[in-house]
PDB file of N, CA and C in Angstrom:
ATOM      1  N   MET A   1      83.277 115.760 129.718  1.00  0.00           N
ATOM      2  CA  MET A   1      82.878 117.152 129.675  1.00  0.00           C
ATOM      3  C   MET A   1      82.696 117.576 128.217  1.00  0.00           C
ATOM      4  N   GLU A   2      81.779 118.462 127.986  1.00  0.00           N
ATOM      5  CA  GLU A   2      81.507 118.935 126.642  1.00  0.00           C
ATOM      6  C   GLU A   2      82.495 120.023 126.228  1.00  0.00           C
ATOM      7  N   THR A   3      82.587 120.245 124.911  1.00  0.00           N
ATOM      8  CA  THR A   3      83.547 121.204 124.358  1.00  0.00           C
ATOM      9  C   THR A   3      82.813 122.295 123.603  1.00  0.00           C
ATOM     10  N   LEU A   4      83.145 123.535 123.912  1.00  0.00           N
ATOM     11  CA  LEU A   4      82.581 124.692 123.229  1.00  0.00           C
ATOM     12  C   LEU A   4      83.370 124.910 121.942  1.00  0.00           C
ATOM     13  N   LEU A   5      82.754 124.624 120.787  1.00  0.00           N
ATOM     14  CA  LEU A   5      83.450 124.720 119.505  1.00  0.00           C
ATOM     15  C   LEU A   5      83.440 126.146 118.952  1.00  0.00           C
ATOM     16  N   ILE A   6      82.271 126.793 118.960  1.00  0.00           N
ATOM     17  CA  ILE A   6      82.133 128.161 118.456  1.00  0.00           C
ATOM     18  C   ILE A   6      80.821 128.716 119.000  1.00  0.00           C
ATOM     19  N   PHE A   7      80.756 130.048 119.165  1.00  0.00           N
ATOM     20  CA  PHE A   7      79.523 130.660 119.653  1.00  0.00           C
ATOM     21  C   PHE A   7      79.437 132.103 119.188  1.00  0.00           C
ATOM     22  N   ASN A   8      78.219 132.634 119.217  1.00  0.00           N
ATOM     23  CA  ASN A   8      77.995 134.063 119.016  1.00  0.00           C
ATOM     24  C   ASN A   8      77.082 134.526 120.144  1.00  0.00           C
ATOM     25  N   ASN A   9      76.423 135.653 119.997  1.00  0.00           N
ATOM     26  CA  ASN A   9      75.604 136.179 121.087  1.00  0.00           C
ATOM     27  C   ASN A   9      74.350 135.361 121.371  1.00  0.00           C
ATOM     28  N   ASP A  10      73.933 134.517 120.439  1.00  0.00           N
ATOM     29  CA  ASP A  10      72.666 133.810 120.602  1.00  0.00           C
ATOM     30  C   ASP A  10      72.737 132.292 120.521  1.00  0.00           C
ATOM     31  N   VAL A  11      73.773 131.747 119.883  1.00  0.00           N
ATOM     32  CA  VAL A  11      73.854 130.298 119.653  1.00  0.00           C
ATOM     33  C   VAL A  11      75.279 129.809 119.913  1.00  0.00           C
ATOM     34  N   ALA A  12      75.393 128.581 120.427  1.00  0.00           N
ATOM     35  CA  ALA A  12      76.700 127.936 120.617  1.00  0.00           C
ATOM     36  C   ALA A  12      76.645 126.543 120.013  1.00  0.00           C
ATOM     37  N   LEU A  13      77.719 126.163 119.317  1.00  0.00           N
ATOM     38  CA  LEU A  13      77.867 124.780 118.857  1.00  0.00           C
ATOM     39  C   LEU A  13      78.747 124.068 119.879  1.00  0.00           C
ATOM     40  N   ILE A  14      78.207 122.998 120.450  1.00  0.00           N
ATOM     41  CA  ILE A  14      78.870 122.281 121.537  1.00  0.00           C
ATOM     42  C   ILE A  14      79.036 120.825 121.140  1.00  0.00           C
ATOM     43  N   GLY A  15      80.270 120.313 121.282  1.00  0.00           N
ATOM     44  CA  GLY A  15      80.565 118.918 120.984  1.00  0.00           C
ATOM     45  C   GLY A  15      80.603 118.087 122.254  1.00  0.00           C
ATOM     46  N   ASN A  16      80.079 116.857 122.167  1.00  0.00           N
ATOM     47  CA  ASN A  16      80.108 115.984 123.344  1.00  0.00           C
ATOM     48  C   ASN A  16      81.194 114.913 123.192  1.00  0.00           C
ATOM     49  N   LEU A  17      81.295 114.043 124.167  1.00  0.00           N
ATOM     50  CA  LEU A  17      82.340 113.006 124.178  1.00  0.00           C
ATOM     51  C   LEU A  17      81.989 111.793 123.327  1.00  0.00           C
ATOM     52  N   HIS A  18      80.903 111.884 122.572  1.00  0.00           N
ATOM     53  CA  HIS A  18      80.518 110.829 121.636  1.00  0.00           C
ATOM     54  C   HIS A  18      80.677 111.293 120.199  1.00  0.00           C
ATOM     55  N   GLY A  19      81.282 112.469 119.998  1.00  0.00           N
ATOM     56  CA  GLY A  19      81.515 112.988 118.658  1.00  0.00           C
ATOM     57  C   GLY A  19      80.307 113.660 118.031  1.00  0.00           C
ATOM     58  N   GLN A  20      79.303 113.997 118.823  1.00  0.00           N
ATOM     59  CA  GLN A  20      78.109 114.652 118.308  1.00  0.00           C
ATOM     60  C   GLN A  20      78.137 116.134 118.659  1.00  0.00           C
ATOM     61  N   VAL A  21      77.525 116.952 117.787  1.00  0.00           N
ATOM     62  CA  VAL A  21      77.473 118.398 117.989  1.00  0.00           C
ATOM     63  C   VAL A  21      76.012 118.825 118.051  1.00  0.00           C
ATOM     64  N   ARG A  22      75.737 119.727 118.968  1.00  0.00           N
ATOM     65  CA  ARG A  22      74.396 120.296 119.067  1.00  0.00           C
ATOM     66  C   ARG A  22      74.493 121.814 119.122  1.00  0.00           C
ATOM     67  N   ALA A  23      73.412 122.472 118.735  1.00  0.00           N
ATOM     68  CA  ALA A  23      73.316 123.925 118.820  1.00  0.00           C
ATOM     69  C   ALA A  23      72.478 124.280 120.037  1.00  0.00           C
ATOM     70  N   ASP A  24      73.033 125.100 120.925  1.00  0.00           N
ATOM     71  CA  ASP A  24      72.306 125.579 122.104  1.00  0.00           C
ATOM     72  C   ASP A  24      71.951 127.044 121.911  1.00  0.00           C
ATOM     73  N   GLN A  25      70.717 127.392 122.211  1.00  0.00           N
ATOM     74  CA  GLN A  25      70.235 128.769 122.138  1.00  0.00           C
ATOM     75  C   GLN A  25      70.454 129.447 123.484  1.00  0.00           C
ATOM     76  N   ARG A  26      70.787 130.740 123.448  1.00  0.00           N
ATOM     77  CA  ARG A  26      70.896 131.522 124.683  1.00  0.00           C
ATOM     78  C   ARG A  26      69.495 131.713 125.256  1.00  0.00           C
ATOM     79  N   PRO A  27      69.329 131.416 126.537  1.00  0.00           N
ATOM     80  CA  PRO A  27      68.029 131.686 127.152  1.00  0.00           C
ATOM     81  C   PRO A  27      67.717 133.187 127.104  1.00  0.00           C
ATOM     82  N   ALA A  28      66.487 133.529 126.791  1.00  0.00           N
ATOM     83  CA  ALA A  28      66.092 134.926 126.618  1.00  0.00           C
ATOM     84  C   ALA A  28      66.251 135.749 127.894  1.00  0.00           C
ATOM     85  N   GLU A  29      66.187 135.102 129.058  1.00  0.00           N
ATOM     86  CA  GLU A  29      66.227 135.847 130.322  1.00  0.00           C
ATOM     87  C   GLU A  29      67.629 136.233 130.783  1.00  0.00           C
ATOM     88  N   ILE A  30      68.680 135.795 130.080  1.00  0.00           N
ATOM     89  CA  ILE A  30      70.038 136.197 130.489  1.00  0.00           C
ATOM     90  C   ILE A  30      70.730 136.932 129.354  1.00  0.00           C
ATOM     91  N   SER A  31      71.654 137.797 129.716  1.00  0.00           N
ATOM     92  CA  SER A  31      72.389 138.579 128.720  1.00  0.00           C
ATOM     93  C   SER A  31      73.411 137.697 128.008  1.00  0.00           C
ATOM     94  N   SER A  32      73.872 138.157 126.856  1.00  0.00           N
ATOM     95  CA  SER A  32      74.873 137.384 126.117  1.00  0.00           C
ATOM     96  C   SER A  32      76.184 137.301 126.897  1.00  0.00           C
ATOM     97  N   ASN A  33      76.553 138.352 127.632  1.00  0.00           N
ATOM     98  CA  ASN A  33      77.794 138.308 128.427  1.00  0.00           C
ATOM     99  C   ASN A  33      77.722 137.251 129.517  1.00  0.00           C
ATOM    100  N   VAL A  34      76.603 137.186 130.218  1.00  0.00           N
ATOM    101  CA  VAL A  34      76.433 136.177 131.269  1.00  0.00           C
ATOM    102  C   VAL A  34      76.429 134.777 130.650  1.00  0.00           C
ATOM    103  N   TRP A  35      75.763 134.636 129.520  1.00  0.00           N
ATOM    104  CA  TRP A  35      75.708 133.340 128.847  1.00  0.00           C
ATOM    105  C   TRP A  35      77.097 132.878 128.413  1.00  0.00           C
ATOM    106  N   HIS A  36      77.897 133.795 127.861  1.00  0.00           N
ATOM    107  CA  HIS A  36      79.265 133.443 127.454  1.00  0.00           C
ATOM    108  C   HIS A  36      80.071 132.956 128.653  1.00  0.00           C
ATOM    109  N   LEU A  37      79.941 133.632 129.782  1.00  0.00           N
ATOM    110  CA  LEU A  37      80.646 133.194 130.993  1.00  0.00           C
ATOM    111  C   LEU A  37      80.178 131.810 131.438  1.00  0.00           C
ATOM    112  N   GLN A  38      78.880 131.555 131.356  1.00  0.00           N
ATOM    113  CA  GLN A  38      78.356 130.234 131.717  1.00  0.00           C
ATOM    114  C   GLN A  38      78.900 129.155 130.790  1.00  0.00           C
ATOM    115  N   LEU A  39      78.929 129.445 129.487  1.00  0.00           N
ATOM    116  CA  LEU A  39      79.461 128.477 128.522  1.00  0.00           C
ATOM    117  C   LEU A  39      80.923 128.164 128.814  1.00  0.00           C
ATOM    118  N   ARG A  40      81.716 129.203 129.065  1.00  0.00           N
ATOM    119  CA  ARG A  40      83.148 129.009 129.348  1.00  0.00           C
ATOM    120  C   ARG A  40      83.360 128.196 130.621  1.00  0.00           C
ATOM    121  N   HIS A  41      82.469 128.363 131.583  1.00  0.00           N
ATOM    122  CA  HIS A  41      82.584 127.628 132.839  1.00  0.00           C
ATOM    123  C   HIS A  41      82.148 126.169 132.684  1.00  0.00           C
ATOM    124  N   GLN A  42      81.133 125.919 131.865  1.00  0.00           N
ATOM    125  CA  GLN A  42      80.561 124.580 131.738  1.00  0.00           C
ATOM    126  C   GLN A  42      81.263 123.713 130.700  1.00  0.00           C
ATOM    127  N   CYS A  43      81.990 124.297 129.771  1.00  0.00           N
ATOM    128  CA  CYS A  43      82.574 123.544 128.649  1.00  0.00           C
ATOM    129  C   CYS A  43      84.091 123.675 128.604  1.00  0.00           C
ATOM    130  N   CYS A  44      84.725 122.680 128.014  1.00  0.00           N
ATOM    131  CA  CYS A  44      86.169 122.715 127.748  1.00  0.00           C
ATOM    132  C   CYS A  44      86.435 123.504 126.473  1.00  0.00           C
ATOM    133  N   ASP A  45      87.656 123.950 126.331  1.00  0.00           N
ATOM    134  CA  ASP A  45      88.100 124.555 125.074  1.00  0.00           C
ATOM    135  C   ASP A  45      88.595 123.451 124.154  1.00  0.00           C
ATOM    136  N   PRO A  46      88.407 123.608 122.836  1.00  0.00           N
ATOM    137  CA  PRO A  46      88.923 122.606 121.895  1.00  0.00           C
ATOM    138  C   PRO A  46      90.429 122.774 121.704  1.00  0.00           C
ATOM    139  N   GLN A  47      91.054 121.763 121.120  1.00  0.00           N
ATOM    140  CA  GLN A  47      92.433 121.890 120.654  1.00  0.00           C
ATOM    141  C   GLN A  47      92.383 122.652 119.325  1.00  0.00           C
ATOM    142  N   HIS A  48      93.502 123.228 118.925  1.00  0.00           N
ATOM    143  CA  HIS A  48      93.540 124.050 117.715  1.00  0.00           C
ATOM    144  C   HIS A  48      94.543 123.477 116.728  1.00  0.00           C
ATOM    145  N   TRP A  49      94.200 123.538 115.427  1.00  0.00           N
ATOM    146  CA  TRP A  49      95.108 123.054 114.392  1.00  0.00           C
ATOM    147  C   TRP A  49      95.018 123.972 113.189  1.00  0.00           C
ATOM    148  N   TYR A  50      95.778 123.683 112.141  1.00  0.00           N
ATOM    149  CA  TYR A  50      95.940 124.589 111.007  1.00  0.00           C
ATOM    150  C   TYR A  50      94.821 124.473 109.981  1.00  0.00           C
ATOM    151  N   ARG A  51      94.443 125.614 109.411  1.00  0.00           N
ATOM    152  CA  ARG A  51      93.361 125.682 108.429  1.00  0.00           C
ATOM    153  C   ARG A  51      93.690 124.953 107.136  1.00  0.00           C
ATOM    154  N   ASP A  52      94.948 124.917 106.738  1.00  0.00           N
ATOM    155  CA  ASP A  52      95.292 124.349 105.436  1.00  0.00           C
ATOM    156  C   ASP A  52      95.486 122.829 105.476  1.00  0.00           C
ATOM    157  N   ALA A  53      95.393 122.230 106.634  1.00  0.00           N
ATOM    158  CA  ALA A  53      95.617 120.782 106.744  1.00  0.00           C
ATOM    159  C   ALA A  53      94.384 120.021 106.270  1.00  0.00           C
ATOM    160  N   ALA A  54      94.609 118.858 105.714  1.00  0.00           N
ATOM    161  CA  ALA A  54      93.500 118.009 105.268  1.00  0.00           C
ATOM    162  C   ALA A  54      92.754 117.431 106.464  1.00  0.00           C
ATOM    163  N   GLY A  55      93.434 117.330 107.561  1.00  0.00           N
ATOM    164  CA  GLY A  55      92.821 116.772 108.760  1.00  0.00           C
ATOM    165  C   GLY A  55      93.641 117.103 109.977  1.00  0.00           C
ATOM    166  N   SER A  56      93.196 116.622 111.096  1.00  0.00           N
ATOM    167  CA  SER A  56      93.880 116.873 112.352  1.00  0.00           C
ATOM    168  C   SER A  56      94.687 115.633 112.729  1.00  0.00           C
ATOM    169  N   PRO A  57      95.991 115.761 112.906  1.00  0.00           N
ATOM    170  CA  PRO A  57      96.800 114.582 113.220  1.00  0.00           C
ATOM    171  C   PRO A  57      96.700 114.173 114.687  1.00  0.00           C
ATOM    172  N   VAL A  58      96.846 112.908 114.897  1.00  0.00           N
ATOM    173  CA  VAL A  58      97.037 112.357 116.235  1.00  0.00           C
ATOM    174  C   VAL A  58      98.475 111.859 116.231  1.00  0.00           C
ATOM    175  N   ILE A  59      99.306 112.463 117.026  1.00  0.00           N
ATOM    176  CA  ILE A  59     100.729 112.121 117.001  1.00  0.00           C
ATOM    177  C   ILE A  59     101.121 111.484 118.328  1.00  0.00           C
ATOM    178  N   HIS A  60     101.613 110.281 118.240  1.00  0.00           N
ATOM    179  CA  HIS A  60     102.170 109.556 119.387  1.00  0.00           C
ATOM    180  C   HIS A  60     101.226 109.493 120.572  1.00  0.00           C
ATOM    181  N   TRP A  61      99.983 109.107 120.313  1.00  0.00           N
ATOM    182  CA  TRP A  61      99.089 108.805 121.425  1.00  0.00           C
ATOM    183  C   TRP A  61      99.529 107.481 121.991  1.00  0.00           C
ATOM    184  N   THR A  62      99.778 107.435 123.256  1.00  0.00           N
ATOM    185  CA  THR A  62     100.228 106.186 123.861  1.00  0.00           C
ATOM    186  C   THR A  62      99.253 105.756 124.943  1.00  0.00           C
ATOM    187  N   GLY A  63      99.153 104.478 125.108  1.00  0.00           N
ATOM    188  CA  GLY A  63      98.288 103.928 126.147  1.00  0.00           C
ATOM    189  C   GLY A  63      98.713 102.514 126.441  1.00  0.00           C
ATOM    190  N   GLY A  64      98.330 102.023 127.556  1.00  0.00           N
ATOM    191  CA  GLY A  64      98.715 100.669 127.914  1.00  0.00           C
ATOM    192  C   GLY A  64      97.545  99.902 128.500  1.00  0.00           C
ATOM    193  N   PHE A  65      97.640  98.607 128.482  1.00  0.00           N
ATOM    194  CA  PHE A  65      96.635  97.762 129.106  1.00  0.00           C
ATOM    195  C   PHE A  65      97.291  96.451 129.495  1.00  0.00           C
ATOM    196  N   CYS A  66      96.657  95.729 130.363  1.00  0.00           N
ATOM    197  CA  CYS A  66      97.168  94.419 130.787  1.00  0.00           C
ATOM    198  C   CYS A  66      96.226  93.331 130.318  1.00  0.00           C
ATOM    199  N   ARG A  67      96.802  92.223 129.861  1.00  0.00           N
ATOM    200  CA  ARG A  67      95.991  91.058 129.525  1.00  0.00           C
ATOM    201  C   ARG A  67      95.771  90.258 130.796  1.00  0.00           C
ATOM    202  N   GLU A  68      94.560  89.789 130.971  1.00  0.00           N
ATOM    203  CA  GLU A  68      94.234  89.080 132.208  1.00  0.00           C
ATOM    204  C   GLU A  68      94.988  87.759 132.346  1.00  0.00           C
ATOM    205  N   SER A  69      95.213  87.076 131.225  1.00  0.00           N
ATOM    206  CA  SER A  69      95.835  85.750 131.317  1.00  0.00           C
ATOM    207  C   SER A  69      97.298  85.825 131.731  1.00  0.00           C
ATOM    208  N   SER A  70      98.059  86.714 131.150  1.00  0.00           N
ATOM    209  CA  SER A  70      99.488  86.768 131.459  1.00  0.00           C
ATOM    210  C   SER A  70      99.896  88.036 132.204  1.00  0.00           C
ATOM    211  N   GLU A  71      98.954  88.980 132.340  1.00  0.00           N
ATOM    212  CA  GLU A  71      99.229  90.279 132.951  1.00  0.00           C
ATOM    213  C   GLU A  71     100.395  90.986 132.271  1.00  0.00           C
ATOM    214  N   GLU A  72     100.550  90.717 130.993  1.00  0.00           N
ATOM    215  CA  GLU A  72     101.606  91.325 130.199  1.00  0.00           C
ATOM    216  C   GLU A  72     101.152  92.730 129.787  1.00  0.00           C
ATOM    217  N   ALA A  73     101.993  93.717 129.982  1.00  0.00           N
ATOM    218  CA  ALA A  73     101.654  95.093 129.615  1.00  0.00           C
ATOM    219  C   ALA A  73     101.892  95.297 128.126  1.00  0.00           C
ATOM    220  N   LYS A  74     100.953  95.921 127.479  1.00  0.00           N
ATOM    221  CA  LYS A  74     101.052  96.230 126.054  1.00  0.00           C
ATOM    222  C   LYS A  74     101.035  97.742 125.891  1.00  0.00           C
ATOM    223  N   LEU A  75     101.733  98.242 124.919  1.00  0.00           N
ATOM    224  CA  LEU A  75     101.780  99.673 124.637  1.00  0.00           C
ATOM    225  C   LEU A  75     101.262  99.909 123.231  1.00  0.00           C
ATOM    226  N   ALA A  76     100.378 100.869 123.091  1.00  0.00           N
ATOM    227  CA  ALA A  76      99.839 101.215 121.776  1.00  0.00           C
ATOM    228  C   ALA A  76     100.323 102.602 121.389  1.00  0.00           C
ATOM    229  N   ILE A  77     100.798 102.756 120.165  1.00  0.00           N
ATOM    230  CA  ILE A  77     101.195 104.058 119.636  1.00  0.00           C
ATOM    231  C   ILE A  77     100.371 104.289 118.378  1.00  0.00           C
ATOM    232  N   LEU A  78      99.687 105.411 118.339  1.00  0.00           N
ATOM    233  CA  LEU A  78      98.800 105.720 117.232  1.00  0.00           C
ATOM    234  C   LEU A  78      99.295 106.971 116.519  1.00  0.00           C
ATOM    235  N   GLU A  79      99.515 106.869 115.226  1.00  0.00           N
ATOM    236  CA  GLU A  79      99.847 108.021 114.407  1.00  0.00           C
ATOM    237  C   GLU A  79      98.894 108.006 113.224  1.00  0.00           C
ATOM    238  N   SER A  80      98.078 109.037 113.101  1.00  0.00           N
ATOM    239  CA  SER A  80      97.118 109.064 112.008  1.00  0.00           C
ATOM    240  C   SER A  80      96.646 110.486 111.769  1.00  0.00           C
ATOM    241  N   SER A  81      95.767 110.621 110.810  1.00  0.00           N
ATOM    242  CA  SER A  81      95.154 111.910 110.531  1.00  0.00           C
ATOM    243  C   SER A  81      93.661 111.684 110.370  1.00  0.00           C
ATOM    244  N   GLU A  82      92.872 112.515 111.010  1.00  0.00           N
ATOM    245  CA  GLU A  82      91.419 112.433 110.931  1.00  0.00           C
ATOM    246  C   GLU A  82      90.916 113.594 110.083  1.00  0.00           C
ATOM    247  N   PRO A  83      90.017 113.349 109.141  1.00  0.00           N
ATOM    248  CA  PRO A  83      89.510 114.443 108.305  1.00  0.00           C
ATOM    249  C   PRO A  83      88.565 115.354 109.087  1.00  0.00           C
ATOM    250  N   TYR A  84      88.617 116.635 108.740  1.00  0.00           N
ATOM    251  CA  TYR A  84      87.690 117.588 109.344  1.00  0.00           C
ATOM    252  C   TYR A  84      86.292 117.401 108.769  1.00  0.00           C
ATOM    253  N   ARG A  85      85.289 117.733 109.557  1.00  0.00           N
ATOM    254  CA  ARG A  85      83.903 117.828 109.100  1.00  0.00           C
ATOM    255  C   ARG A  85      83.427 119.240 109.404  1.00  0.00           C
ATOM    256  N   THR A  86      82.494 119.730 108.629  1.00  0.00           N
ATOM    257  CA  THR A  86      81.920 121.038 108.901  1.00  0.00           C
ATOM    258  C   THR A  86      80.637 120.848 109.700  1.00  0.00           C
ATOM    259  N   TYR A  87      80.572 121.523 110.839  1.00  0.00           N
ATOM    260  CA  TYR A  87      79.382 121.519 111.685  1.00  0.00           C
ATOM    261  C   TYR A  87      78.791 122.917 111.615  1.00  0.00           C
ATOM    262  N   SER A  88      77.474 122.993 111.471  1.00  0.00           N
ATOM    263  CA  SER A  88      76.860 124.309 111.310  1.00  0.00           C
ATOM    264  C   SER A  88      75.455 124.340 111.893  1.00  0.00           C
ATOM    265  N   ASP A  89      74.999 125.564 112.096  1.00  0.00           N
ATOM    266  CA  ASP A  89      73.621 125.830 112.488  1.00  0.00           C
ATOM    267  C   ASP A  89      73.089 126.823 111.468  1.00  0.00           C
ATOM    268  N   ASP A  90      72.161 126.365 110.638  1.00  0.00           N
ATOM    269  CA  ASP A  90      71.657 127.191 109.538  1.00  0.00           C
ATOM    270  C   ASP A  90      70.960 128.460 110.008  1.00  0.00           C
ATOM    271  N   VAL A  91      70.243 128.387 111.102  1.00  0.00           N
ATOM    272  CA  VAL A  91      69.491 129.547 111.591  1.00  0.00           C
ATOM    273  C   VAL A  91      70.426 130.681 112.005  1.00  0.00           C
ATOM    274  N   SER A  92      71.478 130.349 112.744  1.00  0.00           N
ATOM    275  CA  SER A  92      72.397 131.383 113.249  1.00  0.00           C
ATOM    276  C   SER A  92      73.518 131.714 112.275  1.00  0.00           C
ATOM    277  N   GLY A  93      73.777 130.811 111.327  1.00  0.00           N
ATOM    278  CA  GLY A  93      74.889 131.018 110.407  1.00  0.00           C
ATOM    279  C   GLY A  93      76.233 130.583 110.957  1.00  0.00           C
ATOM    280  N   LEU A  94      76.270 130.003 112.156  1.00  0.00           N
ATOM    281  CA  LEU A  94      77.533 129.521 112.726  1.00  0.00           C
ATOM    282  C   LEU A  94      78.005 128.280 111.979  1.00  0.00           C
ATOM    283  N   ALA A  95      79.306 128.213 111.745  1.00  0.00           N
ATOM    284  CA  ALA A  95      79.900 127.031 111.125  1.00  0.00           C
ATOM    285  C   ALA A  95      81.337 126.904 111.592  1.00  0.00           C
ATOM    286  N   ILE A  96      81.776 125.665 111.761  1.00  0.00           N
ATOM    287  CA  ILE A  96      83.157 125.393 112.187  1.00  0.00           C
ATOM    288  C   ILE A  96      83.591 124.067 111.590  1.00  0.00           C
ATOM    289  N   ARG A  97      84.851 124.004 111.152  1.00  0.00           N
ATOM    290  CA  ARG A  97      85.429 122.725 110.742  1.00  0.00           C
ATOM    291  C   ARG A  97      86.126 122.139 111.952  1.00  0.00           C
ATOM    292  N   ALA A  98      85.761 120.893 112.258  1.00  0.00           N
ATOM    293  CA  ALA A  98      86.295 120.259 113.460  1.00  0.00           C
ATOM    294  C   ALA A  98      86.368 118.755 113.264  1.00  0.00           C
ATOM    295  N   VAL A  99      87.092 118.113 114.165  1.00  0.00           N
ATOM    296  CA  VAL A  99      87.157 116.654 114.187  1.00  0.00           C
ATOM    297  C   VAL A  99      87.185 116.215 115.646  1.00  0.00           C
ATOM    298  N   PHE A 100      86.537 115.090 115.908  1.00  0.00           N
ATOM    299  CA  PHE A 100      86.558 114.494 117.244  1.00  0.00           C
ATOM    300  C   PHE A 100      87.469 113.288 117.214  1.00  0.00           C
ATOM    301  N   HIS A 101      88.428 113.228 118.136  1.00  0.00           N
ATOM    302  CA  HIS A 101      89.324 112.079 118.272  1.00  0.00           C
ATOM    303  C   HIS A 101      88.803 111.213 119.422  1.00  0.00           C
ATOM    304  N   PRO A 102      88.123 110.103 119.108  1.00  0.00           N
ATOM    305  CA  PRO A 102      87.526 109.308 120.181  1.00  0.00           C
ATOM    306  C   PRO A 102      88.539 108.692 121.133  1.00  0.00           C
ATOM    307  N   ASN A 103      89.708 108.325 120.643  1.00  0.00           N
ATOM    308  CA  ASN A 103      90.709 107.715 121.529  1.00  0.00           C
ATOM    309  C   ASN A 103      91.249 108.710 122.542  1.00  0.00           C
ATOM    310  N   LEU A 104      91.326 109.980 122.136  1.00  0.00           N
ATOM    311  CA  LEU A 104      91.816 111.020 123.032  1.00  0.00           C
ATOM    312  C   LEU A 104      90.678 111.726 123.750  1.00  0.00           C
ATOM    313  N   ARG A 105      89.451 111.500 123.269  1.00  0.00           N
ATOM    314  CA  ARG A 105      88.257 112.140 123.814  1.00  0.00           C
ATOM    315  C   ARG A 105      88.383 113.661 123.803  1.00  0.00           C
ATOM    316  N   GLU A 106      88.800 114.176 122.628  1.00  0.00           N
ATOM    317  CA  GLU A 106      88.929 115.627 122.501  1.00  0.00           C
ATOM    318  C   GLU A 106      88.537 116.091 121.102  1.00  0.00           C
ATOM    319  N   TRP A 107      88.125 117.340 121.037  1.00  0.00           N
ATOM    320  CA  TRP A 107      87.765 118.004 119.787  1.00  0.00           C
ATOM    321  C   TRP A 107      88.919 118.881 119.327  1.00  0.00           C
ATOM    322  N   VAL A 108      89.108 118.946 118.006  1.00  0.00           N
ATOM    323  CA  VAL A 108      90.123 119.811 117.398  1.00  0.00           C
ATOM    324  C   VAL A 108      89.423 120.648 116.338  1.00  0.00           C
ATOM    325  N   ILE A 109      89.678 121.965 116.351  1.00  0.00           N
ATOM    326  CA  ILE A 109      89.125 122.854 115.336  1.00  0.00           C
ATOM    327  C   ILE A 109      90.259 123.419 114.491  1.00  0.00           C
ATOM    328  N   ASP A 110      89.944 123.782 113.235  1.00  0.00           N
ATOM    329  CA  ASP A 110      90.988 124.292 112.335  1.00  0.00           C
ATOM    330  C   ASP A 110      90.936 125.815 112.261  1.00  0.00           C
ATOM    331  N   ASP A 111      91.454 126.465 113.294  1.00  0.00           N
ATOM    332  CA  ASP A 111      91.380 127.909 113.367  1.00  0.00           C
ATOM    333  C   ASP A 111      92.725 128.611 113.383  1.00  0.00           C
ATOM    334  N   LEU A 112      93.827 127.892 113.225  1.00  0.00           N
ATOM    335  CA  LEU A 112      95.141 128.525 113.201  1.00  0.00           C
ATOM    336  C   LEU A 112      95.530 128.856 111.768  1.00  0.00           C
ATOM    337  N   PRO A 113      96.206 129.993 111.548  1.00  0.00           N
ATOM    338  CA  PRO A 113      96.646 130.305 110.185  1.00  0.00           C
ATOM    339  C   PRO A 113      97.680 129.294 109.713  1.00  0.00           C
ATOM    340  N   ALA A 114      97.735 129.103 108.393  1.00  0.00           N
ATOM    341  CA  ALA A 114      98.685 128.147 107.807  1.00  0.00           C
ATOM    342  C   ALA A 114     100.111 128.565 108.126  1.00  0.00           C
ATOM    343  N   GLU A 115     100.965 127.569 108.346  1.00  0.00           N
ATOM    344  CA  GLU A 115     102.378 127.865 108.581  1.00  0.00           C
ATOM    345  C   GLU A 115     103.037 128.261 107.284  1.00  0.00           C
ATOM    346  N   ALA A 116     103.953 129.184 107.368  1.00  0.00           N
ATOM    347  CA  ALA A 116     104.652 129.656 106.168  1.00  0.00           C
ATOM    348  C   ALA A 116     105.738 128.704 105.757  1.00  0.00           C
TER     349      ALA A 116
END
């Protein structure tokens, strides 16, 4: 499912599950209120992180898999930080700092105030 990163009355920046962002224009035949409701229904919300961070952390992502030869279960634990990128649409002036975590298949935006 796609993720709604940021929007205004006429344009939305939407991230997909491949880490790509596109700008969608509001169709002229529908109102901005109806369009916002459609966007909220069709897209997921991003995760939120702090503005002052250098990147978005992935903390204790766990997953398992089996090897075919021995059927031994393996556990993976990932701890890292991914740098933010700025995504923008020049025509509308929309811009957002975000990162896509491919292992988690989710988008994170830096919209929370810094912790004191």
